[in-house]
Amino acid sequence: MPAIRVLNTARAQEITQKNLSQAELMNNLNQDFMTAFKDKNVENGVIFAGEDVNLIHQKQSAQQIINELAQGLEK
């Protein structure tokens, strides 16, 4: 099974506690992702993420991120 990374939400934690087959796991993840996307309910859904998601420690606007990147370039 390929590595799948998701945000640490309540629903993701709930799914990991179940003893699911690969097919059941993928079905749950896909359904929960679509539900979270459709309902705009990130906290109770499954949101796929990249391997460096653990490097994010705070919520920031796009403008804040761009400002930080620009400040880093100036140094």
PDB file of N, CA and C in Angstrom:
ATOM      1  N   MET A   1       0.845  -1.177   0.000  1.00  0.00           N
ATOM      2  CA  MET A   1       0.000   0.000   0.000  1.00  0.00           C
ATOM      3  C   MET A   1       0.887   1.235   0.000  1.00  0.00           C
ATOM      4  N   PRO A   2       0.575   2.205  -0.823  1.00  0.00           N
ATOM      5  CA  PRO A   2       1.390   3.425  -0.833  1.00  0.00           C
ATOM      6  C   PRO A   2       1.203   4.213   0.462  1.00  0.00           C
ATOM      7  N   ALA A   3       2.204   4.989   0.795  1.00  0.00           N
ATOM      8  CA  ALA A   3       2.100   5.838   1.982  1.00  0.00           C
ATOM      9  C   ALA A   3       1.078   6.930   1.722  1.00  0.00           C
ATOM     10  N   ILE A   4       0.199   7.143   2.677  1.00  0.00           N
ATOM     11  CA  ILE A   4      -0.821   8.179   2.569  1.00  0.00           C
ATOM     12  C   ILE A   4      -0.706   9.048   3.806  1.00  0.00           C
ATOM     13  N   ARG A   5      -0.589  10.339   3.579  1.00  0.00           N
ATOM     14  CA  ARG A   5      -0.488  11.280   4.693  1.00  0.00           C
ATOM     15  C   ARG A   5      -1.737  12.134   4.726  1.00  0.00           C
ATOM     16  N   VAL A   6      -2.289  12.293   5.915  1.00  0.00           N
ATOM     17  CA  VAL A   6      -3.473  13.130   6.096  1.00  0.00           C
ATOM     18  C   VAL A   6      -3.258  14.025   7.304  1.00  0.00           C
ATOM     19  N   LEU A   7      -4.036  15.103   7.366  1.00  0.00           N
ATOM     20  CA  LEU A   7      -3.980  15.961   8.539  1.00  0.00           C
ATOM     21  C   LEU A   7      -4.515  15.206   9.749  1.00  0.00           C
ATOM     22  N   ASN A   8      -4.032  15.561  10.917  1.00  0.00           N
ATOM     23  CA  ASN A   8      -4.404  14.891  12.154  1.00  0.00           C
ATOM     24  C   ASN A   8      -5.744  15.427  12.651  1.00  0.00           C
ATOM     25  N   THR A   9      -6.813  14.928  12.073  1.00  0.00           N
ATOM     26  CA  THR A   9      -8.155  15.340  12.478  1.00  0.00           C
ATOM     27  C   THR A   9      -8.789  14.247  13.334  1.00  0.00           C
ATOM     28  N   ALA A  10      -9.889  14.568  13.979  1.00  0.00           N
ATOM     29  CA  ALA A  10     -10.591  13.577  14.798  1.00  0.00           C
ATOM     30  C   ALA A  10     -11.005  12.378  13.955  1.00  0.00           C
ATOM     31  N   ARG A  11     -11.480  12.615  12.745  1.00  0.00           N
ATOM     32  CA  ARG A  11     -11.910  11.514  11.883  1.00  0.00           C
ATOM     33  C   ARG A  11     -10.725  10.651  11.450  1.00  0.00           C
ATOM     34  N   ALA A  12      -9.598  11.254  11.155  1.00  0.00           N
ATOM     35  CA  ALA A  12      -8.414  10.489  10.780  1.00  0.00           C
ATOM     36  C   ALA A  12      -7.970   9.598  11.944  1.00  0.00           C
ATOM     37  N   GLN A  13      -8.020  10.126  13.154  1.00  0.00           N
ATOM     38  CA  GLN A  13      -7.654   9.333  14.322  1.00  0.00           C
ATOM     39  C   GLN A  13      -8.620   8.165  14.520  1.00  0.00           C
ATOM     40  N   GLU A  14      -9.899   8.424  14.292  1.00  0.00           N
ATOM     41  CA  GLU A  14     -10.910   7.379  14.419  1.00  0.00           C
ATOM     42  C   GLU A  14     -10.666   6.245  13.423  1.00  0.00           C
ATOM     43  N   ILE A  15     -10.345   6.593  12.199  1.00  0.00           N
ATOM     44  CA  ILE A  15     -10.108   5.577  11.168  1.00  0.00           C
ATOM     45  C   ILE A  15      -8.883   4.734  11.503  1.00  0.00           C
ATOM     46  N   THR A  16      -7.839   5.362  12.050  1.00  0.00           N
ATOM     47  CA  THR A  16      -6.623   4.604  12.346  1.00  0.00           C
ATOM     48  C   THR A  16      -6.832   3.584  13.466  1.00  0.00           C
ATOM     49  N   GLN A  17      -7.851   3.788  14.284  1.00  0.00           N
ATOM     50  CA  GLN A  17      -8.131   2.855  15.372  1.00  0.00           C
ATOM     51  C   GLN A  17      -8.849   1.593  14.899  1.00  0.00           C
ATOM     52  N   LYS A  18      -9.394   1.637  13.680  1.00  0.00           N
ATOM     53  CA  LYS A  18     -10.115   0.486  13.137  1.00  0.00           C
ATOM     54  C   LYS A  18      -9.135  -0.463  12.458  1.00  0.00           C
ATOM     55  N   ASN A  19      -9.468  -1.716  12.442  1.00  0.00           N
ATOM     56  CA  ASN A  19      -8.643  -2.723  11.768  1.00  0.00           C
ATOM     57  C   ASN A  19      -9.248  -2.978  10.387  1.00  0.00           C
ATOM     58  N   LEU A  20      -8.967  -2.081   9.447  1.00  0.00           N
ATOM     59  CA  LEU A  20      -9.568  -2.137   8.121  1.00  0.00           C
ATOM     60  C   LEU A  20      -8.638  -2.780   7.099  1.00  0.00           C
ATOM     61  N   SER A  21      -9.239  -3.434   6.129  1.00  0.00           N
ATOM     62  CA  SER A  21      -8.445  -3.941   5.006  1.00  0.00           C
ATOM     63  C   SER A  21      -8.012  -2.742   4.168  1.00  0.00           C
ATOM     64  N   GLN A  22      -7.089  -2.966   3.259  1.00  0.00           N
ATOM     65  CA  GLN A  22      -6.617  -1.879   2.400  1.00  0.00           C
ATOM     66  C   GLN A  22      -7.780  -1.282   1.612  1.00  0.00           C
ATOM     67  N   ALA A  23      -8.638  -2.132   1.064  1.00  0.00           N
ATOM     68  CA  ALA A  23      -9.777  -1.645   0.279  1.00  0.00           C
ATOM     69  C   ALA A  23     -10.740  -0.835   1.147  1.00  0.00           C
ATOM     70  N   GLU A  24     -11.015  -1.322   2.357  1.00  0.00           N
ATOM     71  CA  GLU A  24     -11.912  -0.595   3.268  1.00  0.00           C
ATOM     72  C   GLU A  24     -11.304   0.746   3.676  1.00  0.00           C
ATOM     73  N   LEU A  25     -10.008   0.742   3.940  1.00  0.00           N
ATOM     74  CA  LEU A  25      -9.320   1.969   4.325  1.00  0.00           C
ATOM     75  C   LEU A  25      -9.405   3.001   3.208  1.00  0.00           C
ATOM     76  N   MET A  26      -9.081   2.586   1.995  1.00  0.00           N
ATOM     77  CA  MET A  26      -9.125   3.511   0.864  1.00  0.00           C
ATOM     78  C   MET A  26     -10.540   4.029   0.627  1.00  0.00           C
ATOM     79  N   ASN A  27     -11.527   3.167   0.763  1.00  0.00           N
ATOM     80  CA  ASN A  27     -12.915   3.576   0.591  1.00  0.00           C
ATOM     81  C   ASN A  27     -13.299   4.617   1.639  1.00  0.00           C
ATOM     82  N   ASN A  28     -12.937   4.368   2.906  1.00  0.00           N
ATOM     83  CA  ASN A  28     -13.217   5.322   3.982  1.00  0.00           C
ATOM     84  C   ASN A  28     -12.538   6.656   3.722  1.00  0.00           C
ATOM     85  N   LEU A  29     -11.263   6.613   3.353  1.00  0.00           N
ATOM     86  CA  LEU A  29     -10.521   7.847   3.114  1.00  0.00           C
ATOM     87  C   LEU A  29     -11.128   8.649   1.978  1.00  0.00           C
ATOM     88  N   ASN A  30     -11.460   7.985   0.894  1.00  0.00           N
ATOM     89  CA  ASN A  30     -12.035   8.687  -0.251  1.00  0.00           C
ATOM     90  C   ASN A  30     -13.399   9.281   0.081  1.00  0.00           C
ATOM     91  N   GLN A  31     -14.249   8.519   0.749  1.00  0.00           N
ATOM     92  CA  GLN A  31     -15.574   9.022   1.114  1.00  0.00           C
ATOM     93  C   GLN A  31     -15.456  10.195   2.080  1.00  0.00           C
ATOM     94  N   ASP A  32     -14.604  10.067   3.084  1.00  0.00           N
ATOM     95  CA  ASP A  32     -14.451  11.126   4.082  1.00  0.00           C
ATOM     96  C   ASP A  32     -13.830  12.375   3.488  1.00  0.00           C
ATOM     97  N   PHE A  33     -12.927  12.209   2.521  1.00  0.00           N
ATOM     98  CA  PHE A  33     -12.352  13.370   1.857  1.00  0.00           C
ATOM     99  C   PHE A  33     -13.432  14.123   1.100  1.00  0.00           C
ATOM    100  N   MET A  34     -14.245  13.400   0.339  1.00  0.00           N
ATOM    101  CA  MET A  34     -15.304  14.045  -0.442  1.00  0.00           C
ATOM    102  C   MET A  34     -16.327  14.718   0.480  1.00  0.00           C
ATOM    103  N   THR A  35     -16.653  14.093   1.596  1.00  0.00           N
ATOM    104  CA  THR A  35     -17.583  14.693   2.546  1.00  0.00           C
ATOM    105  C   THR A  35     -16.994  15.970   3.127  1.00  0.00           C
ATOM    106  N   ALA A  36     -15.739  15.929   3.519  1.00  0.00           N
ATOM    107  CA  ALA A  36     -15.083  17.120   4.085  1.00  0.00           C
ATOM    108  C   ALA A  36     -15.033  18.236   3.050  1.00  0.00           C
ATOM    109  N   PHE A  37     -14.737  17.886   1.812  1.00  0.00           N
ATOM    110  CA  PHE A  37     -14.645  18.873   0.737  1.00  0.00           C
ATOM    111  C   PHE A  37     -16.018  19.484   0.455  1.00  0.00           C
ATOM    112  N   LYS A  38     -17.011  18.639   0.306  1.00  0.00           N
ATOM    113  CA  LYS A  38     -18.357  19.094  -0.028  1.00  0.00           C
ATOM    114  C   LYS A  38     -18.963  19.933   1.102  1.00  0.00           C
ATOM    115  N   ASP A  39     -18.792  19.479   2.340  1.00  0.00           N
ATOM    116  CA  ASP A  39     -19.384  20.162   3.498  1.00  0.00           C
ATOM    117  C   ASP A  39     -18.488  21.253   4.071  1.00  0.00           C
ATOM    118  N   LYS A  40     -17.264  21.390   3.515  1.00  0.00           N
ATOM    119  CA  LYS A  40     -16.279  22.349   4.030  1.00  0.00           C
ATOM    120  C   LYS A  40     -16.061  22.133   5.527  1.00  0.00           C
ATOM    121  N   ASN A  41     -15.913  20.867   5.890  1.00  0.00           N
ATOM    122  CA  ASN A  41     -15.760  20.480   7.284  1.00  0.00           C
ATOM    123  C   ASN A  41     -14.409  19.799   7.471  1.00  0.00           C
ATOM    124  N   VAL A  42     -13.384  20.601   7.564  1.00  0.00           N
ATOM    125  CA  VAL A  42     -12.015  20.082   7.671  1.00  0.00           C
ATOM    126  C   VAL A  42     -11.791  19.358   8.997  1.00  0.00           C
ATOM    127  N   GLU A  43     -12.346  19.877  10.063  1.00  0.00           N
ATOM    128  CA  GLU A  43     -12.078  19.309  11.390  1.00  0.00           C
ATOM    129  C   GLU A  43     -12.581  17.875  11.535  1.00  0.00           C
ATOM    130  N   ASN A  44     -13.686  17.547  10.890  1.00  0.00           N
ATOM    131  CA  ASN A  44     -14.268  16.212  11.043  1.00  0.00           C
ATOM    132  C   ASN A  44     -14.126  15.364   9.787  1.00  0.00           C
ATOM    133  N   GLY A  45     -13.218  15.734   8.921  1.00  0.00           N
ATOM    134  CA  GLY A  45     -13.023  14.989   7.686  1.00  0.00           C
ATOM    135  C   GLY A  45     -11.613  14.466   7.572  1.00  0.00           C
ATOM    136  N   VAL A  46     -11.320  13.929   6.421  1.00  0.00           N
ATOM    137  CA  VAL A  46      -9.975  13.454   6.102  1.00  0.00           C
ATOM    138  C   VAL A  46      -9.431  14.354   5.008  1.00  0.00           C
ATOM    139  N   ILE A  47      -8.306  14.998   5.289  1.00  0.00           N
ATOM    140  CA  ILE A  47      -7.685  15.916   4.346  1.00  0.00           C
ATOM    141  C   ILE A  47      -6.289  15.390   4.025  1.00  0.00           C
ATOM    142  N   PHE A  48      -6.067  15.067   2.760  1.00  0.00           N
ATOM    143  CA  PHE A  48      -4.766  14.550   2.343  1.00  0.00           C
ATOM    144  C   PHE A  48      -3.719  15.661   2.406  1.00  0.00           C
ATOM    145  N   ALA A  49      -2.493  15.276   2.728  1.00  0.00           N
ATOM    146  CA  ALA A  49      -1.418  16.258   2.887  1.00  0.00           C
ATOM    147  C   ALA A  49      -0.106  15.671   2.374  1.00  0.00           C
ATOM    148  N   GLY A  50       0.848  16.530   2.096  1.00  0.00           N
ATOM    149  CA  GLY A  50       2.157  16.108   1.634  1.00  0.00           C
ATOM    150  C   GLY A  50       3.040  15.635   2.769  1.00  0.00           C
ATOM    151  N   GLU A  51       4.200  15.131   2.426  1.00  0.00           N
ATOM    152  CA  GLU A  51       5.076  14.544   3.442  1.00  0.00           C
ATOM    153  C   GLU A  51       5.657  15.565   4.414  1.00  0.00           C
ATOM    154  N   ASP A  52       5.670  16.841   4.055  1.00  0.00           N
ATOM    155  CA  ASP A  52       6.231  17.857   4.939  1.00  0.00           C
ATOM    156  C   ASP A  52       5.175  18.593   5.755  1.00  0.00           C
ATOM    157  N   VAL A  53       3.973  18.053   5.809  1.00  0.00           N
ATOM    158  CA  VAL A  53       2.900  18.708   6.545  1.00  0.00           C
ATOM    159  C   VAL A  53       3.261  18.886   8.023  1.00  0.00           C
ATOM    160  N   ASN A  54       4.093  18.020   8.551  1.00  0.00           N
ATOM    161  CA  ASN A  54       4.493  18.129   9.962  1.00  0.00           C
ATOM    162  C   ASN A  54       5.373  19.348  10.237  1.00  0.00           C
ATOM    163  N   LEU A  55       5.826  20.023   9.188  1.00  0.00           N
ATOM    164  CA  LEU A  55       6.638  21.232   9.371  1.00  0.00           C
ATOM    165  C   LEU A  55       5.784  22.475   9.588  1.00  0.00           C
ATOM    166  N   ILE A  56       4.484  22.345   9.416  1.00  0.00           N
ATOM    167  CA  ILE A  56       3.570  23.476   9.616  1.00  0.00           C
ATOM    168  C   ILE A  56       3.165  23.515  11.083  1.00  0.00           C
ATOM    169  N   HIS A  57       3.415  24.655  11.717  1.00  0.00           N
ATOM    170  CA  HIS A  57       3.131  24.778  13.147  1.00  0.00           C
ATOM    171  C   HIS A  57       2.112  25.853  13.478  1.00  0.00           C
ATOM    172  N   GLN A  58       1.694  26.619  12.477  1.00  0.00           N
ATOM    173  CA  GLN A  58       0.703  27.671  12.737  1.00  0.00           C
ATOM    174  C   GLN A  58      -0.085  27.964  11.474  1.00  0.00           C
ATOM    175  N   LYS A  59      -1.293  28.496  11.666  1.00  0.00           N
ATOM    176  CA  LYS A  59      -2.107  28.916  10.530  1.00  0.00           C
ATOM    177  C   LYS A  59      -1.685  30.314  10.131  1.00  0.00           C
ATOM    178  N   GLN A  60      -1.512  30.508   8.819  1.00  0.00           N
ATOM    179  CA  GLN A  60      -1.122  31.815   8.299  1.00  0.00           C
ATOM    180  C   GLN A  60      -1.890  32.090   7.010  1.00  0.00           C
ATOM    181  N   SER A  61      -2.106  33.355   6.748  1.00  0.00           N
ATOM    182  CA  SER A  61      -2.707  33.721   5.470  1.00  0.00           C
ATOM    183  C   SER A  61      -1.637  33.616   4.383  1.00  0.00           C
ATOM    184  N   ALA A  62      -2.093  33.581   3.149  1.00  0.00           N
ATOM    185  CA  ALA A  62      -1.147  33.549   2.026  1.00  0.00           C
ATOM    186  C   ALA A  62      -0.255  34.784   2.063  1.00  0.00           C
ATOM    187  N   GLN A  63      -0.822  35.932   2.418  1.00  0.00           N
ATOM    188  CA  GLN A  63      -0.052  37.174   2.484  1.00  0.00           C
ATOM    189  C   GLN A  63       1.066  37.080   3.526  1.00  0.00           C
ATOM    190  N   GLN A  64       0.780  36.490   4.680  1.00  0.00           N
ATOM    191  CA  GLN A  64       1.801  36.334   5.717  1.00  0.00           C
ATOM    192  C   GLN A  64       2.939  35.433   5.226  1.00  0.00           C
ATOM    193  N   ILE A  65       2.589  34.374   4.535  1.00  0.00           N
ATOM    194  CA  ILE A  65       3.609  33.453   4.026  1.00  0.00           C
ATOM    195  C   ILE A  65       4.489  34.154   2.993  1.00  0.00           C
ATOM    196  N   ILE A  66       3.869  34.901   2.082  1.00  0.00           N
ATOM    197  CA  ILE A  66       4.633  35.625   1.065  1.00  0.00           C
ATOM    198  C   ILE A  66       5.538  36.654   1.710  1.00  0.00           C
ATOM    199  N   ASN A  67       5.027  37.368   2.705  1.00  0.00           N
ATOM    200  CA  ASN A  67       5.847  38.354   3.418  1.00  0.00           C
ATOM    201  C   ASN A  67       7.065  37.703   4.066  1.00  0.00           C
ATOM    202  N   GLU A  68       6.865  36.550   4.696  1.00  0.00           N
ATOM    203  CA  GLU A  68       7.993  35.853   5.327  1.00  0.00           C
ATOM    204  C   GLU A  68       9.012  35.413   4.274  1.00  0.00           C
ATOM    205  N   LEU A  69       8.524  34.897   3.149  1.00  0.00           N
ATOM    206  CA  LEU A  69       9.438  34.488   2.089  1.00  0.00           C
ATOM    207  C   LEU A  69      10.225  35.690   1.559  1.00  0.00           C
ATOM    208  N   ALA A  70       9.544  36.819   1.370  1.00  0.00           N
ATOM    209  CA  ALA A  70      10.200  38.023   0.867  1.00  0.00           C
ATOM    210  C   ALA A  70      11.259  38.505   1.866  1.00  0.00           C
ATOM    211  N   GLN A  71      10.951  38.461   3.151  1.00  0.00           N
ATOM    212  CA  GLN A  71      11.915  38.882   4.172  1.00  0.00           C
ATOM    213  C   GLN A  71      13.140  37.986   4.144  1.00  0.00           C
ATOM    214  N   GLY A  72      12.925  36.684   3.907  1.00  0.00           N
ATOM    215  CA  GLY A  72      14.040  35.764   3.815  1.00  0.00           C
ATOM    216  C   GLY A  72      14.932  36.031   2.634  1.00  0.00           C
ATOM    217  N   LEU A  73      14.356  36.493   1.532  1.00  0.00           N
ATOM    218  CA  LEU A  73      15.142  36.817   0.350  1.00  0.00           C
ATOM    219  C   LEU A  73      15.965  38.079   0.542  1.00  0.00           C
ATOM    220  N   GLU A  74      15.460  39.002   1.356  1.00  0.00           N
ATOM    221  CA  GLU A  74      16.155  40.259   1.600  1.00  0.00           C
ATOM    222  C   GLU A  74      17.387  40.077   2.461  1.00  0.00           C
ATOM    223  N   LYS A  75      17.423  39.019   3.227  1.00  0.00           N
ATOM    224  CA  LYS A  75      18.546  38.791   4.160  1.00  0.00           C
ATOM    225  C   LYS A  75      19.759  38.319   3.462  1.00  0.00           C
TER     226      LYS A  75
END
